[in-house]
Amino acid sequence: MDDLYDLVDTCHRSDLFDYCPILLEIKSELLQKHFNGRYLLQVWLSGGKKLFEKAFKNKIQVWCSSEGDTLSFKPPQGDQDSDCFYILHVKLGYIQRIRDPVNDPTFVNIYFNKGAFFIGNQEEIKFWDIPEWPIKPNTMSDIFESPKDSVCSYKPGRKIHFFFGTELTFAYEMPDGQLNCASFQPKNFTPGSYEFESHEKSDYIPRNVENDPIIETFIMRKDIYFCMALRQSGFVDVYTDMQRFYTTT
């Protein structure tokens, strides 16, 4: 198998999900011709059963496992539907296609939750309502055109690093280079406006650190959330359940 594929990436970050999406690079030219692509997205169920497979010419950059056994991703530039988001209902093999009403490559964080679709860059979260429609196993839906005036926006005033959790929670950076996080749940949608609930998810304790921003983060969940944040100075903050536990180099 090593002669045929390279494992490139996964967006599996949590033991809350019993499936694992992986992205493979196809090394064999013969297989690239067979799949008509260089990259292969696969979804595997715990126990080794393959649930889904789709080939792409280019590497997927934006993807996320979400609630309700769904995998959200955006086909890469150069592939079919690169201006759409796909919501794959993993165990049914059903794909909902949603036209991206923002289409801004800086929005690399995505999340699907309770009928709403969220995207985020470092400054802003945008979201819009997704209507329910009948699910037909092992099919692909028509493209839902998300009206641009239906998109709502939320700016927390801090640098956003990533989304996570079974309800949308976002991690953001404080002035002292620490991560803090909060849930975000909009309600009462009307075109371009909404109400929302937000709750802090960690106990932030300030420290005497200045001008040392976070340059890279990694998060996973095994019983509790575990996160590492690399700062510009080379120091690494380690978080357990999103509370800073210790700092190392």
Protein backbone atom coordinates (compact mmCIF):
# COMPACT_ATOMS: atom_id res chain seq x y z
CA MET A 1 0.00 0.00 0.00
CA ASP A 2 2.90 2.38 0.72
CA ASP A 3 3.84 2.16 -2.95
CA LEU A 4 0.36 3.27 -3.98
CA TYR A 5 -0.67 5.97 -1.47
CA ASP A 6 0.72 8.49 1.00
CA LEU A 7 -1.35 9.51 3.99
CA VAL A 8 -1.53 13.31 3.76
CA ASP A 9 -3.91 14.47 6.49
CA THR A 10 -6.98 13.83 8.63
CA CYS A 11 -9.51 16.10 10.27
CA HIS A 12 -10.28 13.48 12.94
CA ARG A 13 -9.69 15.26 16.23
CA SER A 14 -12.20 13.74 18.62
CA ASP A 15 -13.25 10.39 20.10
CA LEU A 16 -16.83 11.70 20.01
CA PHE A 17 -16.98 10.50 16.39
CA ASP A 18 -16.79 6.82 15.49
CA TYR A 19 -15.62 7.53 11.95
CA CYS A 20 -12.31 8.85 10.61
CA PRO A 21 -11.84 10.90 7.42
CA ILE A 22 -8.43 10.66 5.79
CA LEU A 23 -6.85 12.28 2.74
CA LEU A 24 -4.52 10.16 0.63
CA GLU A 25 -2.18 11.21 -2.16
CA ILE A 26 -2.18 8.67 -4.99
CA LYS A 27 1.40 7.85 -6.00
CA SER A 28 0.65 5.45 -8.82
CA GLU A 29 0.08 7.14 -12.19
CA LEU A 30 -2.10 4.21 -13.21
CA LEU A 31 -4.36 4.74 -10.18
CA GLN A 32 -4.44 8.51 -10.77
CA LYS A 33 -5.84 7.79 -14.23
CA HIS A 34 -8.29 5.26 -12.79
CA PHE A 35 -9.64 7.73 -10.20
CA ASN A 36 -9.20 10.79 -12.45
CA GLY A 37 -7.50 12.58 -9.57
CA ARG A 38 -4.38 12.83 -7.47
CA TYR A 39 -6.01 12.88 -4.02
CA LEU A 40 -8.47 10.48 -2.45
CA LEU A 41 -10.84 11.38 0.39
CA GLN A 42 -11.92 8.31 2.36
CA VAL A 43 -14.08 7.92 5.46
CA TRP A 44 -13.62 4.84 7.63
CA LEU A 45 -15.82 3.54 10.41
CA SER A 46 -14.27 2.24 13.63
CA GLY A 47 -13.58 -1.42 13.00
CA GLY A 48 -12.26 -0.92 9.47
CA LYS A 49 -15.30 -0.50 7.22
CA LYS A 50 -14.91 2.09 4.44
CA LEU A 51 -18.01 4.29 4.23
CA PHE A 52 -17.10 6.82 1.55
CA GLU A 53 -14.53 7.56 -1.13
CA LYS A 54 -14.14 10.43 -3.58
CA ALA A 55 -11.20 11.54 -5.73
CA PHE A 56 -10.01 15.11 -6.30
CA LYS A 57 -7.44 16.62 -8.60
CA ASN A 58 -6.11 18.91 -5.85
CA LYS A 59 -5.64 18.82 -2.09
CA ILE A 60 -8.59 19.57 0.17
CA GLN A 61 -7.79 22.54 2.42
CA VAL A 62 -11.07 23.08 4.28
CA TRP A 63 -12.84 20.23 6.11
CA CYS A 64 -14.36 19.43 9.50
CA SER A 65 -16.13 16.57 11.31
CA SER A 66 -19.35 17.87 12.85
CA GLU A 67 -22.34 16.73 14.85
CA GLY A 68 -24.81 14.12 13.65
CA ASP A 69 -22.24 11.97 11.79
CA THR A 70 -21.54 14.65 9.21
CA LEU A 71 -18.33 15.63 7.46
CA SER A 72 -18.23 19.11 5.94
CA PHE A 73 -15.66 20.01 3.30
CA LYS A 74 -15.06 22.27 0.33
CA PRO A 75 -13.82 20.80 -2.95
CA PRO A 76 -10.47 22.39 -3.84
CA GLN A 77 -9.90 24.92 -6.61
CA GLY A 78 -9.70 23.20 -9.97
CA ASP A 79 -12.23 20.51 -8.99
CA GLN A 80 -15.97 20.33 -9.63
CA ASP A 81 -18.08 22.43 -7.24
CA SER A 82 -15.10 24.34 -5.82
CA ASP A 83 -17.53 27.19 -5.05
CA CYS A 84 -19.69 24.90 -2.90
CA PHE A 85 -19.61 23.27 0.50
CA TYR A 86 -20.40 19.57 0.78
CA ILE A 87 -22.13 18.17 3.88
CA LEU A 88 -21.59 14.42 3.81
CA HIS A 89 -23.98 12.39 5.96
CA VAL A 90 -21.35 9.78 6.60
CA LYS A 91 -23.39 6.68 7.37
CA LEU A 92 -25.95 7.34 4.65
CA GLY A 93 -23.56 8.28 1.85
CA TYR A 94 -25.66 11.37 1.14
CA ILE A 95 -24.09 14.68 0.12
CA GLN A 96 -25.81 18.05 0.49
CA ARG A 97 -24.33 20.72 -1.77
CA ILE A 98 -24.50 24.36 -0.69
CA ARG A 99 -23.23 27.26 -2.76
CA ASP A 100 -20.72 29.32 -0.78
CA PRO A 101 -22.25 32.82 -0.56
CA VAL A 102 -19.00 34.34 0.75
CA ASN A 103 -16.36 32.51 -1.34
CA ASP A 104 -13.41 34.05 0.54
CA PRO A 105 -10.33 31.78 0.84
CA THR A 106 -9.39 33.30 4.23
CA PHE A 107 -12.37 31.49 5.80
CA VAL A 108 -10.62 28.20 6.55
CA ASN A 109 -12.63 27.17 9.63
CA ILE A 110 -15.98 25.53 8.89
CA TYR A 111 -18.68 23.87 11.01
CA PHE A 112 -22.18 22.46 10.51
CA ASN A 113 -24.46 22.51 13.54
CA LYS A 114 -28.24 22.29 14.04
CA GLY A 115 -29.23 23.44 10.59
CA ALA A 116 -26.73 26.30 10.36
CA PHE A 117 -23.44 26.47 8.48
CA PHE A 118 -20.52 28.42 9.97
CA ILE A 119 -17.29 29.64 8.41
CA GLY A 120 -14.55 31.62 10.11
CA ASN A 121 -11.30 33.44 9.46
CA GLN A 122 -9.04 35.08 12.04
CA GLU A 123 -11.38 38.03 12.61
CA GLU A 124 -14.94 36.99 11.89
CA ILE A 125 -17.52 34.21 11.98
CA LYS A 126 -20.10 34.15 9.19
CA PHE A 127 -23.10 31.84 9.18
CA TRP A 128 -26.43 31.17 7.54
CA ASP A 129 -29.42 28.88 7.89
CA ILE A 130 -29.55 25.59 5.99
CA PRO A 131 -33.08 24.37 5.19
CA GLU A 132 -34.04 20.76 5.80
CA TRP A 133 -34.75 18.60 2.79
CA PRO A 134 -35.31 14.87 2.29
CA ILE A 135 -32.21 12.71 2.63
CA LYS A 136 -31.78 10.07 -0.07
CA PRO A 137 -29.02 7.59 0.83
CA ASN A 138 -26.08 7.24 -1.57
CA THR A 139 -27.03 10.28 -3.66
CA MET A 140 -25.92 13.88 -4.14
CA SER A 141 -28.38 16.75 -3.81
CA ASP A 142 -28.96 19.64 -6.16
CA ILE A 143 -27.03 22.75 -5.22
CA PHE A 144 -28.77 24.96 -2.67
CA GLU A 145 -28.19 28.61 -3.51
CA SER A 146 -27.51 30.43 -0.23
CA PRO A 147 -28.66 34.05 -0.68
CA LYS A 148 -25.92 36.54 0.16
CA ASP A 149 -28.34 38.66 2.18
CA SER A 150 -29.02 35.66 4.44
CA VAL A 151 -25.44 35.64 5.75
CA CYS A 152 -24.95 36.88 9.32
CA SER A 153 -21.67 38.02 10.84
CA TYR A 154 -20.14 37.97 14.33
CA LYS A 155 -16.82 39.59 15.26
CA PRO A 156 -15.49 38.65 18.73
CA GLY A 157 -12.74 41.30 18.63
CA ARG A 158 -9.98 38.69 19.11
CA LYS A 159 -7.96 36.52 16.73
CA ILE A 160 -9.84 33.27 16.05
CA HIS A 161 -7.74 30.11 15.79
CA PHE A 162 -10.14 27.18 15.37
CA PHE A 163 -13.63 25.75 15.88
CA PHE A 164 -14.32 22.62 17.94
CA GLY A 165 -16.90 20.85 20.12
CA THR A 166 -20.32 19.24 19.66
CA GLU A 167 -21.85 22.72 19.69
CA LEU A 168 -19.89 25.45 17.95
CA THR A 169 -17.06 26.58 20.22
CA PHE A 170 -14.27 28.82 18.98
CA ALA A 171 -10.79 29.33 20.42
CA TYR A 172 -9.44 32.86 20.34
CA GLU A 173 -6.22 34.55 21.39
CA MET A 174 -5.85 36.88 24.36
CA PRO A 175 -3.27 39.74 24.48
CA ASP A 176 -0.90 37.62 26.60
CA GLY A 177 -0.71 34.83 23.99
CA GLN A 178 -3.12 32.49 25.76
CA LEU A 179 -6.08 30.70 24.23
CA ASN A 180 -9.53 31.34 25.60
CA CYS A 181 -12.70 29.80 24.19
CA ALA A 182 -16.43 30.43 24.06
CA SER A 183 -19.52 28.72 22.69
CA PHE A 184 -21.59 30.50 20.08
CA GLN A 185 -25.21 29.58 19.36
CA PRO A 186 -27.28 31.91 17.15
CA LYS A 187 -31.07 31.85 17.20
CA ASN A 188 -34.06 33.68 15.72
CA PHE A 189 -32.53 34.03 12.27
CA THR A 190 -33.80 36.69 9.91
CA PRO A 191 -31.93 37.76 6.77
CA GLY A 192 -28.72 39.40 7.97
CA SER A 193 -29.72 39.57 11.66
CA TYR A 194 -29.99 37.25 14.65
CA GLU A 195 -29.84 36.82 18.40
CA PHE A 196 -27.25 34.60 20.04
CA GLU A 197 -26.08 32.92 23.21
CA SER A 198 -22.39 32.76 24.09
CA HIS A 199 -20.73 31.24 27.14
CA GLU A 200 -17.08 31.19 28.18
CA LYS A 201 -15.77 27.62 28.20
CA SER A 202 -12.51 28.15 30.10
CA ASP A 203 -11.31 30.07 33.16
CA TYR A 204 -8.87 32.63 31.79
CA ILE A 205 -6.05 33.62 34.15
CA PRO A 206 -3.94 36.54 32.81
CA ARG A 207 -0.14 36.31 32.82
CA ASN A 208 2.73 38.74 32.33
CA VAL A 209 3.53 38.02 28.67
CA GLU A 210 3.57 40.60 25.88
CA ASN A 211 4.21 40.61 22.12
CA ASP A 212 4.44 36.83 21.82
CA PRO A 213 1.58 35.79 19.51
CA ILE A 214 0.49 32.25 18.74
CA ILE A 215 1.72 31.03 15.37
CA GLU A 216 0.40 27.45 15.29
CA THR A 217 -2.13 25.30 17.18
CA PHE A 218 -3.11 21.64 17.41
CA ILE A 219 -6.16 20.17 19.14
CA MET A 220 -7.49 16.66 19.70
CA ARG A 221 -9.93 14.98 22.08
CA LYS A 222 -9.40 11.74 23.99
CA ASP A 223 -11.85 11.80 26.92
CA ILE A 224 -10.92 15.49 27.35
CA TYR A 225 -9.66 18.14 24.93
CA PHE A 226 -5.88 18.41 24.60
CA CYS A 227 -4.35 21.39 22.83
CA MET A 228 -0.88 22.79 22.10
CA ALA A 229 -0.17 26.36 21.03
CA LEU A 230 3.24 27.36 19.65
CA ARG A 231 4.16 31.00 20.27
CA GLN A 232 6.54 33.18 18.26
CA SER A 233 9.19 32.90 20.99
CA GLY A 234 9.32 29.11 20.64
CA PHE A 235 7.46 28.47 23.88
CA VAL A 236 4.61 25.96 23.72
CA ASP A 237 1.55 26.24 25.94
CA VAL A 238 -0.17 22.94 26.70
CA TYR A 239 -3.89 22.94 27.50
CA THR A 240 -6.03 20.17 29.00
CA ASP A 241 -9.77 20.63 28.69
CA MET A 242 -8.86 24.09 27.33
CA GLN A 243 -7.18 25.19 30.58
CA ARG A 244 -3.48 26.03 30.30
CA PHE A 245 -1.68 23.25 32.14
CA TYR A 246 1.98 24.10 31.62
CA THR A 247 4.46 25.81 29.28
CA THR A 248 7.49 24.20 27.70
CA THR A 249 9.98 24.69 24.86
